[in-house]
Each structure stands twice: as C-alpha cells, then as structure tokens.
C-alpha cells in the first residue's frame, strides 16, 4: 500500500472517530452536538480542558476508548503526513539534481519547447526512437508529471535566454518550438538562432502568415498542424480509398510500420552495388520507396533497379524497426543524420 492511500485510510478512520465521539458524548452526557464535538477534540488532543458536564461511569469508559484509539490515530496520521511531505521533497530534489547533471553532459541532443498535446506526441516519438532530448515546459503541473517519469525537463519560459542555456542549447543539434502562440514561437526561434548559428530549428505555425515570419527569424522548417489536419480531412473525404490504404499499410496485424531512412556508410558492402543486387525486399522484407544521393536535396521516388549506391546515399524504406535495423547493420549506418 503506498503512503498516500495509507494516509487517506487513516484520515477516514480519524473522521469516523470524531463522529462517533461527538454523538457518543452528546448521548452519554446529554449535551448538544457542539459540546459533544468539543469533548471529543479535547479528549483526542489531550489538552486537559474542563469537561462540559459531570462525567458518568459510562462516559468515562467511553473516554478511555476514545483516548486509546484517537491519540494513536492522530499521532500516526501526523507522522505519516510529515514523512510524505519530507519524502516527496527529497525525491523531487534528487530527481531534479540528476536531471540537471544529465543535461549538462548532453551533446548533439534535441530540445523541445512546450509539452502540451503536440509536445506529448513528440516526446513519445523521441522515446520510441531512443533519442536524447530535453523538454522546456512552463506549466508546473506538467513539469512535475514528466519529471516524475524520469524525463530531462526544465521548468521555465523557453523564450528566455537563461532557460535555453540551461537546456545546453550551444551543444544541441536541433530544437522544436511547439508553444501555443506564434509570438512565443518567433521569440524562441530568434533567440535560439542567436545562441547557436548551426542549430536546426523546427517551429509550430498557427496563423497562415506565421511561416514567413518564423523563417525570417531563423527557422529551418515550419509545421502548421491546422494545414496538415485540413488536408488530411479533405483527402479522407475526396480520396477515402487512398487514405484507408495508407492507414492499413502502416498498421498490419498490430505491427507498426514506419517510413525510415537508412544511410550508407563508407565501410558498407553496399557501396558500389546496384539496387537490384541487394534484393532488399527478399532479404529484409522492406520496400524501398525512394533514394537520395549524397549532397543532393531531391529524392528519387521509385528508384530504378540499376541505380548504383555509394557512401552517404540514403534509402527511404517502409518496414518495422527490426527489419530496418538489420538493413542498417549491413549499410554501416552510424545513426548520424545531416539536417537540411
């Protein structure tokens, strides 16, 4: 039984004891309920005030039971309440110290500003992909909730330079600003770009004119949830078969399939080979959707089978994590990604 549940049970017992004592004294001493409550409280607390009426033998026996159960229950409740407060503060202190030490050692990590509904989705994706990241959240309740879960999280305003410094922004690889207003997101982007010129910045955009402002402030990419959601709903209405196919192909027999990239390393046996010789669908169960040559920004959709792959090239494949990881071993994929 955890301490909070134990304390609730004790408080219920204590309240029951007060009610029993109030009605008991009122009946035994023939006094009002207020006087009965008064007698119960002074008996439990052992303050020694004068009784409200002459004590009869039944009332004295009743008092013995009230003292026996009451004093023990009150003392136990206060002791557990104090332990709960002290233990909670101690755990909070050590979790925060451990988190601050972890952040100070981070390098090439990601920073997420805002742990709201959108931020929670991003957090879950980072955790699923075992990505090192720091969250900045202004809301104290959300901060304590995520801190208790072991996340590296800072309670503060992400628009302030000092808070971004606490997130080790100068050694970070990228930052996502997912704050609820465009004004705050612009501040985060502008401040972040000033503090780290090489930082890759993605920002949430709410107003239709916000993307231009965010890019001028220094954002590499902007994402409009309203626009994406609107396109998805329109596609569901106009092209339901296509959307249904995409939903099915990414969730087969409860096995989640994702589009993932595989980067070919310089020591890979793939270097210099044609795509058809790799037999990726047969060997790994993956579908090669597209490829991207090293140093180029354009993707080659449905690449030809005679395409020669070289070091630094990327393949976009559809499959589950275990299948992709097998291909990454063959490809000598180091996990390093160049943000564009």
Protein backbone atom coordinates (compact mmCIF):
# COMPACT_ATOMS: atom_id res chain seq x y z
CA UNK A 1 0.00 0.00 0.00
CA UNK A 2 1.51 3.39 -0.98
CA UNK A 3 1.79 6.22 1.52
CA UNK A 4 -0.97 8.38 0.02
CA UNK A 5 -3.52 5.57 0.14
CA UNK A 6 -2.47 4.71 3.70
CA UNK A 7 -2.90 8.33 4.74
CA UNK A 8 -6.38 8.51 3.21
CA UNK A 9 -7.44 5.43 5.18
CA UNK A 10 -6.07 6.93 8.41
CA UNK A 11 -7.93 10.21 7.81
CA UNK A 12 -11.17 8.31 7.19
CA UNK A 13 -10.68 6.41 10.46
CA UNK A 14 -9.94 9.69 12.29
CA UNK A 15 -13.07 11.36 10.87
CA UNK A 16 -15.15 8.34 11.85
CA UNK A 17 -13.70 8.51 15.37
CA UNK A 18 -14.65 12.20 15.67
CA UNK A 19 -18.21 11.49 14.56
CA UNK A 20 -18.56 8.54 16.92
CA UNK A 21 -17.14 10.61 19.79
CA UNK A 22 -19.42 13.56 19.05
CA UNK A 23 -22.60 11.54 19.03
CA UNK A 24 -21.40 9.34 21.92
CA UNK A 25 -20.68 12.24 24.29
CA UNK A 26 -23.88 14.00 23.25
CA UNK A 27 -25.87 10.91 24.20
CA UNK A 28 -23.97 9.86 27.32
CA UNK A 29 -23.67 13.36 28.84
CA UNK A 30 -26.98 14.67 27.49
CA UNK A 31 -25.28 17.69 25.85
CA UNK A 32 -25.51 19.36 22.44
CA UNK A 33 -23.65 18.06 19.39
CA UNK A 34 -21.29 21.06 19.60
CA UNK A 35 -20.43 20.18 23.18
CA UNK A 36 -20.04 16.54 22.11
CA UNK A 37 -17.60 17.60 19.38
CA UNK A 38 -15.74 19.78 21.88
CA UNK A 39 -15.40 16.88 24.31
CA UNK A 40 -14.15 14.61 21.51
CA UNK A 41 -11.48 17.07 20.36
CA UNK A 42 -10.12 17.84 23.84
CA UNK A 43 -10.08 14.12 24.64
CA UNK A 44 -8.22 13.15 21.44
CA UNK A 45 -5.77 16.04 21.69
CA UNK A 46 -5.23 15.51 25.46
CA UNK A 47 -5.21 19.25 26.17
CA UNK A 48 -6.87 18.76 29.59
CA UNK A 49 -9.63 21.36 29.38
CA UNK A 50 -12.61 21.08 31.73
CA UNK A 51 -15.47 18.78 30.77
CA UNK A 52 -18.74 20.35 29.67
CA UNK A 53 -20.74 18.16 32.08
CA UNK A 54 -20.12 15.85 35.04
CA UNK A 55 -18.59 12.59 33.83
CA UNK A 56 -20.68 9.47 34.38
CA UNK A 57 -19.17 5.99 34.57
CA UNK A 58 -20.29 5.07 31.02
CA UNK A 59 -18.83 8.38 29.78
CA UNK A 60 -15.51 7.64 31.49
CA UNK A 61 -15.30 4.18 29.89
CA UNK A 62 -16.22 5.76 26.54
CA UNK A 63 -13.43 8.35 27.01
CA UNK A 64 -10.88 5.60 27.62
CA UNK A 65 -11.67 4.07 24.23
CA UNK A 66 -11.65 7.48 22.53
CA UNK A 67 -8.24 8.28 24.02
CA UNK A 68 -6.84 4.86 23.20
CA UNK A 69 -7.88 4.93 19.55
CA UNK A 70 -7.83 8.69 18.98
CA UNK A 71 -4.39 9.66 20.24
CA UNK A 72 -2.75 6.75 18.41
CA UNK A 73 -4.58 7.51 15.17
CA UNK A 74 -3.79 11.26 15.29
CA UNK A 75 -0.13 10.62 16.05
CA UNK A 76 0.18 8.04 13.30
CA UNK A 77 -1.59 10.31 10.79
CA UNK A 78 0.63 13.31 11.58
CA UNK A 79 3.79 11.17 11.42
CA UNK A 80 2.86 9.73 8.02
CA UNK A 81 1.85 13.15 6.70
CA UNK A 82 5.21 14.58 7.72
CA UNK A 83 7.07 11.63 6.17
CA UNK A 84 5.04 12.00 2.98
CA UNK A 85 5.96 15.68 2.68
CA UNK A 86 9.64 15.17 3.52
CA UNK A 87 9.99 12.09 1.30
CA UNK A 88 8.24 13.84 -1.60
CA UNK A 89 10.52 16.89 -1.34
CA UNK A 90 13.59 14.65 -1.10
CA UNK A 91 12.63 12.62 -4.17
CA UNK A 92 11.82 15.79 -6.10
CA UNK A 93 15.18 17.31 -5.12
CA UNK A 94 17.23 14.29 -6.19
CA UNK A 95 15.29 13.80 -9.44
CA UNK A 96 15.90 17.44 -10.34
CA UNK A 97 19.61 17.26 -9.48
CA UNK A 98 20.04 14.08 -11.53
CA UNK A 99 18.19 15.64 -14.45
CA UNK A 100 20.35 18.80 -14.37
CA UNK A 101 23.51 16.67 -14.34
CA UNK A 102 22.25 14.67 -17.35
CA UNK A 103 21.51 17.82 -19.35
CA UNK A 104 24.95 19.29 -18.60
CA UNK A 105 26.60 16.20 -20.19
CA UNK A 106 24.43 16.16 -23.32
CA UNK A 107 25.82 16.75 -26.80
CA UNK A 108 24.05 16.72 -30.19
CA UNK A 109 20.73 16.41 -28.40
CA UNK A 110 17.33 17.87 -29.24
CA UNK A 111 15.33 20.48 -27.34
CA UNK A 112 11.54 20.53 -27.25
CA UNK A 113 9.85 23.75 -26.16
CA UNK A 114 6.34 23.07 -24.91
CA UNK A 115 4.94 19.79 -23.54
CA UNK A 116 1.29 20.34 -24.45
CA UNK A 117 -0.79 17.99 -26.59
CA UNK A 118 1.52 18.35 -29.61
CA UNK A 119 4.57 18.18 -27.39
CA UNK A 120 3.42 14.91 -25.82
CA UNK A 121 3.25 13.29 -29.26
CA UNK A 122 6.79 14.48 -30.00
CA UNK A 123 8.01 13.18 -26.62
CA UNK A 124 6.54 9.74 -27.30
CA UNK A 125 8.24 9.62 -30.72
CA UNK A 126 11.59 10.64 -29.21
CA UNK A 127 11.28 7.96 -26.53
CA UNK A 128 10.26 5.31 -29.08
CA UNK A 129 13.32 6.14 -31.18
CA UNK A 130 15.61 6.32 -28.11
CA UNK A 131 16.53 9.92 -28.90
CA UNK A 132 18.35 12.10 -26.39
CA UNK A 133 16.29 15.22 -25.72
CA UNK A 134 15.41 17.96 -23.23
CA UNK A 135 11.95 19.43 -22.66
CA UNK A 136 11.26 23.01 -21.58
CA UNK A 137 7.81 23.43 -20.01
CA UNK A 138 6.34 26.46 -18.27
CA UNK A 139 3.38 24.73 -16.62
CA UNK A 140 4.42 23.48 -13.16
CA UNK A 141 1.95 20.57 -13.07
CA UNK A 142 3.10 19.17 -16.44
CA UNK A 143 6.71 19.76 -15.43
CA UNK A 144 6.38 17.71 -12.23
CA UNK A 145 4.45 14.98 -14.05
CA UNK A 146 7.17 14.49 -16.67
CA UNK A 147 9.95 14.88 -14.10
CA UNK A 148 8.42 12.04 -12.07
CA UNK A 149 8.52 9.92 -15.26
CA UNK A 150 12.28 10.43 -15.49
CA UNK A 151 12.34 12.86 -18.41
CA UNK A 152 15.00 15.53 -18.74
CA UNK A 153 12.75 18.56 -18.33
CA UNK A 154 13.26 22.18 -17.30
CA UNK A 155 10.57 24.29 -15.69
CA UNK A 156 10.79 27.72 -17.30
CA UNK A 157 9.91 30.06 -20.15
CA UNK A 158 11.52 28.88 -23.38
CA UNK A 159 11.56 32.43 -24.73
CA UNK A 160 14.16 33.39 -22.12
CA UNK A 161 17.83 33.05 -22.94
CA UNK A 162 18.75 31.76 -19.46
CA UNK A 163 16.32 28.85 -19.77
CA UNK A 164 17.69 27.88 -23.19
CA UNK A 165 21.19 27.97 -21.70
CA UNK A 166 20.03 25.51 -19.02
CA UNK A 167 18.93 23.21 -21.86
CA UNK A 168 22.54 23.25 -23.13
CA UNK A 169 21.47 24.85 -26.41
CA UNK A 170 25.01 25.62 -27.58
CA UNK A 171 25.74 21.88 -27.83
CA UNK A 172 22.30 20.90 -29.12
CA UNK A 173 21.67 19.59 -32.62
CA UNK A 174 18.12 20.78 -33.09
CA UNK A 175 15.19 22.46 -31.39
CA UNK A 176 11.43 22.16 -31.85
CA UNK A 177 9.29 25.09 -30.75
CA UNK A 178 5.78 23.84 -30.05
CA UNK A 179 4.42 26.72 -27.98
CA UNK A 180 0.73 27.70 -28.21
CA UNK A 181 1.24 31.17 -29.79
CA UNK A 182 3.12 32.33 -32.86
CA UNK A 183 4.60 35.25 -30.91
CA UNK A 184 6.27 32.91 -28.40
CA UNK A 185 7.49 30.62 -31.19
CA UNK A 186 9.05 33.59 -33.03
CA UNK A 187 10.85 34.60 -29.81
CA UNK A 188 12.17 31.06 -29.32
CA UNK A 189 13.36 30.80 -32.93
CA UNK A 190 15.04 34.21 -32.87
CA UNK A 191 16.75 33.63 -29.52
CA UNK A 192 17.82 30.09 -30.43
CA UNK A 193 19.32 31.17 -33.75
CA UNK A 194 21.26 33.93 -31.98
CA UNK A 195 22.66 31.50 -29.41
CA UNK A 196 23.55 28.70 -31.86
CA UNK A 197 24.04 29.52 -35.54
CA UNK A 198 24.30 25.85 -36.54
CA UNK A 199 21.11 24.77 -34.77
CA UNK A 200 18.39 23.09 -36.86
CA UNK A 201 15.10 24.74 -35.89
CA UNK A 202 11.58 23.48 -36.49
CA UNK A 203 8.68 25.60 -35.32
CA UNK A 204 4.96 25.20 -35.00
CA UNK A 205 2.97 27.74 -37.05
CA UNK A 206 -0.60 28.64 -36.17
CA UNK A 207 -1.54 31.69 -38.25
CA UNK A 208 -1.33 31.31 -42.03
CA UNK A 209 1.17 34.19 -42.22
CA UNK A 210 3.35 32.80 -39.42
CA UNK A 211 5.63 30.54 -41.53
CA UNK A 212 7.22 33.52 -43.33
CA UNK A 213 7.85 35.33 -40.06
CA UNK A 214 9.30 32.24 -38.43
CA UNK A 215 11.65 31.58 -41.36
CA UNK A 216 12.83 35.18 -41.32
CA UNK A 217 13.50 34.77 -37.59
CA UNK A 218 15.71 31.77 -38.35
CA UNK A 219 13.55 28.64 -38.54
CA UNK A 220 14.66 25.94 -40.99
CA UNK A 221 11.21 24.38 -41.21
CA UNK A 222 7.70 25.29 -40.07
CA UNK A 223 4.82 22.92 -39.45
CA UNK A 224 1.17 24.01 -39.49
CA UNK A 225 -1.00 21.49 -37.64
CA UNK A 226 -4.13 23.24 -38.93
CA UNK A 227 -2.98 22.94 -42.54
CA UNK A 228 -1.91 19.30 -42.19
CA UNK A 229 -5.14 18.41 -40.41
CA UNK A 230 -7.22 20.21 -43.01
CA UNK A 231 -5.51 18.44 -45.90
CA UNK A 232 -5.94 15.09 -44.18
CA UNK A 233 -9.67 15.65 -43.64
CA UNK A 234 -10.16 16.81 -47.23
CA UNK A 235 -8.25 13.76 -48.51
CA UNK A 236 -10.36 11.48 -46.32
CA UNK A 237 -13.47 12.95 -47.93
CA UNK A 238 -12.24 13.19 -51.55
CA UNK A 239 -9.89 10.17 -51.72
CA UNK A 240 -11.00 7.81 -48.94
CA UNK A 241 -9.51 4.72 -50.60
CA UNK A 242 -6.03 6.25 -50.67
CA UNK A 243 -6.19 7.33 -47.03
CA UNK A 244 -7.55 3.93 -45.98
CA UNK A 245 -4.69 2.21 -47.81
CA UNK A 246 -2.11 4.37 -46.04
CA UNK A 247 -3.71 3.57 -42.68
CA UNK A 248 -3.68 -0.17 -43.43
CA UNK A 249 -0.13 -0.25 -44.77
CA UNK A 250 1.22 1.40 -41.63
CA UNK A 251 -0.60 -0.91 -39.22
CA UNK A 252 -0.61 -4.59 -40.20
CA UNK A 253 -1.56 -7.13 -37.52
CA UNK A 254 -0.78 -4.57 -34.81
CA UNK A 255 2.83 -4.36 -36.07
CA UNK A 256 3.65 -0.72 -36.61
CA UNK A 257 5.37 0.04 -39.90
CA UNK A 258 7.19 3.30 -40.46
CA UNK A 259 8.92 5.12 -43.24
CA UNK A 260 12.55 5.25 -42.13
CA UNK A 261 15.81 6.28 -43.71
CA UNK A 262 18.98 4.19 -43.99
CA UNK A 263 22.29 5.97 -44.61
CA UNK A 264 25.05 4.00 -46.35
CA UNK A 265 28.39 4.17 -44.56
CA UNK A 266 31.77 4.21 -46.25
CA UNK A 267 32.67 0.71 -44.98
CA UNK A 268 29.43 -0.91 -46.09
CA UNK A 269 29.33 -3.84 -48.51
CA UNK A 270 26.52 -1.96 -50.29
CA UNK A 271 28.88 0.71 -51.65
CA UNK A 272 29.20 0.44 -55.43
CA UNK A 273 26.41 -2.12 -55.84
CA UNK A 274 23.26 -1.81 -57.91
CA UNK A 275 19.96 -1.71 -56.05
CA UNK A 276 18.69 -4.91 -57.69
CA UNK A 277 21.66 -6.93 -56.45
CA UNK A 278 20.85 -6.12 -52.85
CA UNK A 279 17.46 -7.91 -53.01
CA UNK A 280 16.21 -5.78 -50.11
CA UNK A 281 12.56 -6.95 -50.28
CA UNK A 282 13.61 -10.63 -50.25
CA UNK A 283 16.37 -10.38 -47.64
CA UNK A 284 14.83 -7.86 -45.22
CA UNK A 285 11.14 -7.66 -46.05
CA UNK A 286 11.43 -3.94 -46.72
CA UNK A 287 10.06 -1.80 -49.53
CA UNK A 288 12.40 0.84 -50.98
CA UNK A 289 10.22 3.90 -51.54
CA UNK A 290 12.90 6.40 -52.57
CA UNK A 291 16.63 7.16 -52.54
CA UNK A 292 18.67 10.33 -52.18
CA UNK A 293 22.19 10.75 -53.49
CA UNK A 294 24.78 12.23 -51.16
CA UNK A 295 24.96 16.02 -51.38
CA UNK A 296 21.66 16.34 -53.25
CA UNK A 297 18.35 17.54 -51.85
CA UNK A 298 15.97 15.88 -54.31
CA UNK A 299 14.57 12.44 -53.60
CA UNK A 300 14.39 9.79 -56.33
CA UNK A 301 10.97 8.17 -56.00
CA UNK A 302 10.60 4.53 -57.05
CA UNK A 303 14.31 4.24 -57.95
CA UNK A 304 15.40 2.09 -60.88
CA UNK A 305 16.86 -1.33 -60.16
CA UNK A 306 20.20 -0.44 -61.79
CA UNK A 307 20.76 2.56 -59.51
CA UNK A 308 24.28 2.36 -58.02
CA UNK A 309 24.51 3.19 -54.31
CA UNK A 310 27.52 4.96 -52.82
CA UNK A 311 28.73 6.15 -49.43
CA UNK A 312 26.48 8.84 -47.97
CA UNK A 313 23.46 7.91 -50.08
CA UNK A 314 20.15 7.45 -48.29
CA UNK A 315 17.35 4.95 -48.83
CA UNK A 316 13.80 5.59 -47.67
CA UNK A 317 12.25 2.24 -46.74
CA UNK A 318 8.94 1.00 -45.35
CA UNK A 319 9.06 -1.62 -42.61
CA UNK A 320 9.19 -2.30 -38.90
CA UNK A 321 12.07 -1.41 -36.61
CA UNK A 322 13.69 -4.86 -36.51
CA UNK A 323 13.76 -5.13 -40.32
CA UNK A 324 15.19 -1.63 -40.68
CA UNK A 325 17.84 -2.29 -38.03
CA UNK A 326 19.03 -5.38 -39.91
CA UNK A 327 19.48 -3.33 -43.08
CA UNK A 328 21.25 -0.58 -41.14
CA UNK A 329 23.83 -3.10 -39.91
CA UNK A 330 24.61 -4.12 -43.49
CA UNK A 331 24.64 -0.47 -44.56
CA UNK A 332 27.06 0.52 -41.76
CA UNK A 333 24.61 3.24 -40.76
CA UNK A 334 26.21 5.24 -37.93
CA UNK A 335 22.96 6.97 -36.97
CA UNK A 336 24.32 10.42 -37.82
CA UNK A 337 21.84 12.48 -39.87
CA UNK A 338 22.55 15.76 -41.65
CA UNK A 339 19.61 18.11 -41.11
CA UNK A 340 18.58 20.08 -44.16
